[in-house]
Amino acid sequence: MKAAFFKEHGGAEKVLYDDYRDPVPGPDDVVVRVGACGLNHVDILLLDGRFPPPEGLPHVNGCEVTGT
């Protein structure tokens, strides 16, 4: 899949858009094919390191998505 993600903290120059591993859902999870994604202040806090990504790095941007 394609994704916007970062491997290290910093500014917008650290955001990559490239192939990324497909998610592996757990027994209580679902996978959503994202049609659109919005970035908000939480994404900026994660990117610049003021808030640690819950799963560590690399981290896929986008807290607000729509899809099927």
N, C-alpha and C. Protein backbone atom coordinates (compact mmCIF):
# COMPACT_ATOMS: atom_id res chain seq x y z
N MET A 1 0.84 -1.18 0.00
CA MET A 1 0.00 0.00 0.00
C MET A 1 0.88 1.24 0.00
N LYS A 2 0.33 2.36 -0.44
CA LYS A 2 1.02 3.65 -0.37
C LYS A 2 0.60 4.33 0.93
N ALA A 3 1.54 5.05 1.55
CA ALA A 3 1.23 5.76 2.79
C ALA A 3 2.15 6.96 2.96
N ALA A 4 1.66 7.95 3.68
CA ALA A 4 2.49 9.07 4.13
C ALA A 4 2.96 8.69 5.53
N PHE A 5 4.27 8.65 5.74
CA PHE A 5 4.81 8.21 7.02
C PHE A 5 6.14 8.88 7.28
N PHE A 6 6.61 8.76 8.52
CA PHE A 6 7.94 9.29 8.84
C PHE A 6 8.71 8.27 9.65
N LYS A 7 10.02 8.25 9.44
CA LYS A 7 10.93 7.33 10.13
C LYS A 7 11.70 8.01 11.24
N GLU A 8 11.71 9.36 11.22
CA GLU A 8 12.39 10.13 12.26
C GLU A 8 11.63 11.43 12.45
N HIS A 9 11.77 12.02 13.63
CA HIS A 9 11.07 13.25 13.95
C HIS A 9 11.70 14.44 13.24
N GLY A 10 10.89 15.46 13.00
CA GLY A 10 11.36 16.68 12.35
C GLY A 10 10.20 17.44 11.76
N GLY A 11 10.46 18.16 10.68
CA GLY A 11 9.44 18.94 10.00
C GLY A 11 8.85 18.19 8.83
N ALA A 12 8.15 18.94 7.99
CA ALA A 12 7.46 18.35 6.84
C ALA A 12 8.42 17.62 5.90
N GLU A 13 9.69 18.02 5.90
CA GLU A 13 10.67 17.37 5.01
C GLU A 13 10.92 15.91 5.40
N LYS A 14 10.51 15.50 6.59
CA LYS A 14 10.70 14.12 7.05
C LYS A 14 9.57 13.19 6.61
N VAL A 15 8.48 13.76 6.10
CA VAL A 15 7.34 12.94 5.69
C VAL A 15 7.63 12.32 4.33
N LEU A 16 7.49 11.02 4.25
CA LEU A 16 7.71 10.26 3.03
C LEU A 16 6.36 9.78 2.50
N TYR A 17 6.21 9.70 1.19
CA TYR A 17 5.05 9.07 0.57
C TYR A 17 5.59 7.97 -0.31
N ASP A 18 5.37 6.72 0.12
CA ASP A 18 5.99 5.60 -0.57
C ASP A 18 5.25 4.32 -0.22
N ASP A 19 5.72 3.20 -0.76
CA ASP A 19 5.16 1.91 -0.39
C ASP A 19 5.39 1.66 1.09
N TYR A 20 4.41 1.04 1.73
CA TYR A 20 4.49 0.73 3.15
C TYR A 20 3.86 -0.64 3.35
N ARG A 21 4.31 -1.34 4.35
CA ARG A 21 3.80 -2.71 4.58
C ARG A 21 2.29 -2.69 4.82
N ASP A 22 1.62 -3.72 4.33
CA ASP A 22 0.18 -3.85 4.57
C ASP A 22 -0.07 -4.15 6.04
N PRO A 23 -1.14 -3.58 6.60
CA PRO A 23 -1.45 -3.85 8.00
C PRO A 23 -1.91 -5.29 8.20
N VAL A 24 -1.59 -5.85 9.34
CA VAL A 24 -2.04 -7.19 9.71
C VAL A 24 -3.02 -7.02 10.87
N PRO A 25 -4.32 -7.22 10.61
CA PRO A 25 -5.30 -7.01 11.67
C PRO A 25 -5.26 -8.09 12.74
N GLY A 26 -5.55 -7.68 13.96
CA GLY A 26 -5.69 -8.62 15.06
C GLY A 26 -7.10 -9.21 15.03
N PRO A 27 -7.44 -10.06 15.98
CA PRO A 27 -8.74 -10.73 15.97
C PRO A 27 -9.93 -9.77 16.14
N ASP A 28 -9.72 -8.61 16.74
CA ASP A 28 -10.80 -7.64 16.94
C ASP A 28 -10.64 -6.39 16.09
N ASP A 29 -9.79 -6.44 15.04
CA ASP A 29 -9.51 -5.29 14.19
C ASP A 29 -10.13 -5.46 12.81
N VAL A 30 -10.23 -4.35 12.08
CA VAL A 30 -10.63 -4.37 10.68
C VAL A 30 -9.62 -3.55 9.89
N VAL A 31 -9.51 -3.83 8.60
CA VAL A 31 -8.66 -3.05 7.70
C VAL A 31 -9.58 -2.21 6.83
N VAL A 32 -9.29 -0.92 6.73
CA VAL A 32 -10.10 0.02 5.95
C VAL A 32 -9.29 0.48 4.75
N ARG A 33 -9.88 0.41 3.55
CA ARG A 33 -9.24 0.97 2.36
C ARG A 33 -9.52 2.47 2.40
N VAL A 34 -8.49 3.26 2.63
CA VAL A 34 -8.64 4.69 2.85
C VAL A 34 -8.86 5.41 1.52
N GLY A 35 -9.92 6.23 1.48
CA GLY A 35 -10.21 7.04 0.31
C GLY A 35 -9.70 8.45 0.45
N ALA A 36 -9.67 8.96 1.68
CA ALA A 36 -9.18 10.31 1.96
C ALA A 36 -8.68 10.36 3.39
N CYS A 37 -7.70 11.21 3.62
CA CYS A 37 -7.11 11.32 4.95
C CYS A 37 -6.84 12.78 5.27
N GLY A 38 -7.21 13.19 6.47
CA GLY A 38 -6.92 14.55 6.91
C GLY A 38 -5.83 14.54 7.96
N LEU A 39 -4.98 15.55 7.93
CA LEU A 39 -3.95 15.70 8.95
C LEU A 39 -4.37 16.81 9.89
N ASN A 40 -4.09 16.66 11.17
CA ASN A 40 -4.47 17.67 12.15
C ASN A 40 -3.32 17.94 13.10
N HIS A 41 -3.59 18.68 14.16
CA HIS A 41 -2.52 19.08 15.08
C HIS A 41 -1.85 17.89 15.76
N VAL A 42 -2.58 16.81 15.98
CA VAL A 42 -1.98 15.62 16.60
C VAL A 42 -0.88 15.05 15.69
N ASP A 43 -1.12 15.05 14.39
CA ASP A 43 -0.11 14.57 13.44
C ASP A 43 1.16 15.41 13.51
N ILE A 44 1.01 16.71 13.67
CA ILE A 44 2.18 17.60 13.79
C ILE A 44 2.93 17.33 15.09
N LEU A 45 2.20 17.13 16.19
CA LEU A 45 2.84 16.82 17.47
C LEU A 45 3.61 15.50 17.38
N LEU A 46 3.05 14.52 16.70
CA LEU A 46 3.74 13.24 16.52
C LEU A 46 4.98 13.41 15.65
N LEU A 47 4.84 14.16 14.57
CA LEU A 47 5.95 14.36 13.63
C LEU A 47 7.13 15.07 14.28
N ASP A 48 6.85 16.13 15.04
CA ASP A 48 7.98 16.89 15.60
C ASP A 48 8.49 16.34 16.93
N GLY A 49 7.89 15.23 17.40
CA GLY A 49 8.41 14.55 18.57
C GLY A 49 7.87 15.02 19.90
N ARG A 50 6.90 15.93 19.91
CA ARG A 50 6.33 16.39 21.18
C ARG A 50 5.38 15.37 21.78
N PHE A 51 4.95 14.41 20.99
CA PHE A 51 4.07 13.35 21.46
C PHE A 51 4.56 12.07 20.80
N PRO A 52 4.94 11.05 21.58
CA PRO A 52 5.51 9.84 20.96
C PRO A 52 4.45 9.01 20.24
N PRO A 53 4.75 8.51 19.04
CA PRO A 53 3.80 7.63 18.35
C PRO A 53 3.55 6.38 19.19
N PRO A 54 2.29 5.97 19.34
CA PRO A 54 1.97 4.83 20.21
C PRO A 54 2.64 3.52 19.80
N GLU A 55 2.87 3.33 18.52
CA GLU A 55 3.50 2.10 18.03
C GLU A 55 4.98 2.28 17.74
N GLY A 56 5.53 3.46 18.04
CA GLY A 56 6.93 3.73 17.73
C GLY A 56 7.10 4.17 16.28
N LEU A 57 8.35 4.19 15.84
CA LEU A 57 8.67 4.61 14.47
C LEU A 57 9.02 3.39 13.63
N PRO A 58 8.75 3.39 12.33
CA PRO A 58 8.11 4.45 11.56
C PRO A 58 6.63 4.58 11.92
N HIS A 59 6.06 5.75 11.62
CA HIS A 59 4.67 6.03 11.97
C HIS A 59 3.92 6.55 10.74
N VAL A 60 2.75 5.97 10.48
CA VAL A 60 1.91 6.41 9.37
C VAL A 60 1.07 7.59 9.84
N ASN A 61 1.13 8.70 9.09
CA ASN A 61 0.36 9.90 9.42
C ASN A 61 -1.11 9.70 9.13
N GLY A 62 -1.94 10.49 9.80
CA GLY A 62 -3.36 10.52 9.50
C GLY A 62 -4.22 9.92 10.59
N CYS A 63 -4.84 10.78 11.37
CA CYS A 63 -5.74 10.33 12.44
C CYS A 63 -7.19 10.32 11.98
N GLU A 64 -7.47 11.04 10.89
CA GLU A 64 -8.84 11.18 10.40
C GLU A 64 -8.91 10.62 8.99
N VAL A 65 -9.65 9.52 8.82
CA VAL A 65 -9.73 8.89 7.50
C VAL A 65 -11.18 8.57 7.14
N THR A 66 -11.43 8.44 5.84
CA THR A 66 -12.69 7.91 5.34
C THR A 66 -12.35 6.78 4.38
N GLY A 67 -13.21 5.82 4.30
CA GLY A 67 -12.95 4.72 3.39
C GLY A 67 -13.95 3.61 3.55
N THR A 68 -13.62 2.46 2.95
CA THR A 68 -14.51 1.31 3.01
C THR A 68 -13.74 0.09 3.44
